[in-house]
Every structure is written in C-alpha cells, then in structure tokens.
Amino acid sequence: MSNSGRVMQRRLFFILILLAASSSRVTAGCINPFALAHSTVGITRYFDDNEKKEARPGVLGIRGTGWFLSPLSMVTVKHAAAAMHLSDQNWKQVEIRNGLDKQSIAARIQHFAGTHAEKIAVLELQMAFSSAQGFQLRTDPLVPEEPIVSLAYPDGHLRVAGGRFVQYGEGQRFAGTALLEVYDGDDRLVLDHGASGAPIFDCAGRVVAVASNLLTTSIQFGSHAVRISTAWGTPNVVSLPAPVLKDFAHAPVALPPARARLSTKPAGEQRSSGPDYRTD
C-alpha cells in the first residue's frame, strides 16, 4: 500500500474515532433507549364502516404511541384517544405493535389525568399484551438541561430520540407542560405524526413526561407548505409531566438491568406530534 493510502486510512480512522467520541458525549451516563422498547408500543385503531364515512376520504384509522403502566393499563394522550374514537364505556379493538409482535386487544378509556386542556389518557385493556411490563414513574421535577431520551412509533416505525429538558411551560398556552428539545441527529421532527403518547425518560429509565405536540412553523413554496422545526437551542416538543399518573402506577415495575446502560437546541406553531391518519 502506498504512503498516501496509509495516510488516508489513518485519517479515516481518526475521523471515525472523533465521531464515536462525539456520539458518546451526547448519551454519556444515560440508559440505552432500546432497553426500554419492551413496553413502548405503536397503537392503531382501524375505523369501522360508519366511522370511515365520517372521516376524510381514504382514511382507514388513527395511529399513535403508547406505553404500559401495567400489563392491563396503557398510556397515551387525550387527543390521540379522542381521534381514535375510544370510549370510557364501550370496548373497541386496537392494534398494538411492539417490533414484530402485533396483537389486537379491546381497549377503553379508564381515566384522563391532568388539570389542563390536554391530558394524559390511561387506557384499560381487556386482556394483557404479551410480555408487557409497567415503567417506573419519576415524581420529582426535572432540572433545566437534564438529558432525556424517548421512543416513539411515528408512521408506525420505532424511532429513538435524545435531547434535553428546557423548562416547565408558563402562560395560557403552555401551562402544565414540560418543554423539551428532542432530536435524532439532525432530525428535529423525529417525534412527528404518530408519536403522540410517546414516553419521555430520564437517564435512569424512569418516565418523566408524555409527548403531546411538536412545535413547527410552515414556509410556503408556491402551492406547497413545508414544515420546519424551531431553531436549535429552543424547545420543539411539548410534553405532559408524568407525576399526574402517580395514583395509577400501582403495579409492579421493571427497570432494565444495569448492563443495558450505555456509557453514554422560539416556539413556533403548535402542531400535534400525532396521531397519524392511516390512509389507503
């Protein structure tokens, strides 16, 4: 091999080391998000014939994200449950997906938690989802700049995101919320449609909040509007703090083992991070 070739290899090697070091700084000390995937699920409610007549043309149902408090209790957000036409009286079938594991289980609304317009929805399941375990809740407040991680099912596919807690919301628009900056690399729209209800974890793997809305602005290009995220260094996700669920977290919980841990950026238009409308 020529000297120039060896020099190029060494440069590439050092570039890879630098990239790896940069990545580890972002996640240093935090739990491996994939160790939390066992109880984070995608939820789909397919509409019946009458509901399809009232929906937009071609819409077959609604998708969101959920997670388990216990094998028979699942959490999402109120606007996702409402869009799915779930009821507190009648059982309705929902498709619950965890990776390749998919089950159809009857569900209904057990409770709405929170004192503001947007709330956390606790769903009761008629039968347990296989291998479901409840997550542990964190009841003490987050600290500004504290790192967080999340898993969600936008578009029905599992995504992992990291980020930080910015501040608790204030004023009429954001009262009762936790404002976050969340991203996957350069993707600040990672918690987009279908991610409503996604759990937000602290570095110990405890649920600290539930994803509700994505903050975006729209730019018009001719006849097309393009959504963009807020600026780096500012919140882009509105979440609902988990402590309002403390009265419902009475089932046994399971944290991943220690070996699963890794050595580890002005709000615009408020947009729902889901639910996602399933179409033909």
Foldseek 3Di string as FASTA:
>chain_A
DDPVVVVVVVVVVVVVVVVVVVFFVQQALFFDVVLVLLFKKKKWQFDDPVVCVVDDPFFGTWIAIWGDLAQFKIKFKDVRCVRRVAAQPDWGWMWIDRPPDIDIWTKHWDDWFDDDPITMTIIGTPGGRPPGFRAAADQDDDDAFFKKKWWFQAVHRIDIKIWTWHAQDDDPPGHQKTFIQIADVPRSLRLAANHGQIFIAGRQRHGFWTWWWFFWDWDDDPPDIDIDADWFAGTGTITHTDNSCVVVSPDDGDGRDPVSGDSRGPGHHIGTSYTDGDGD
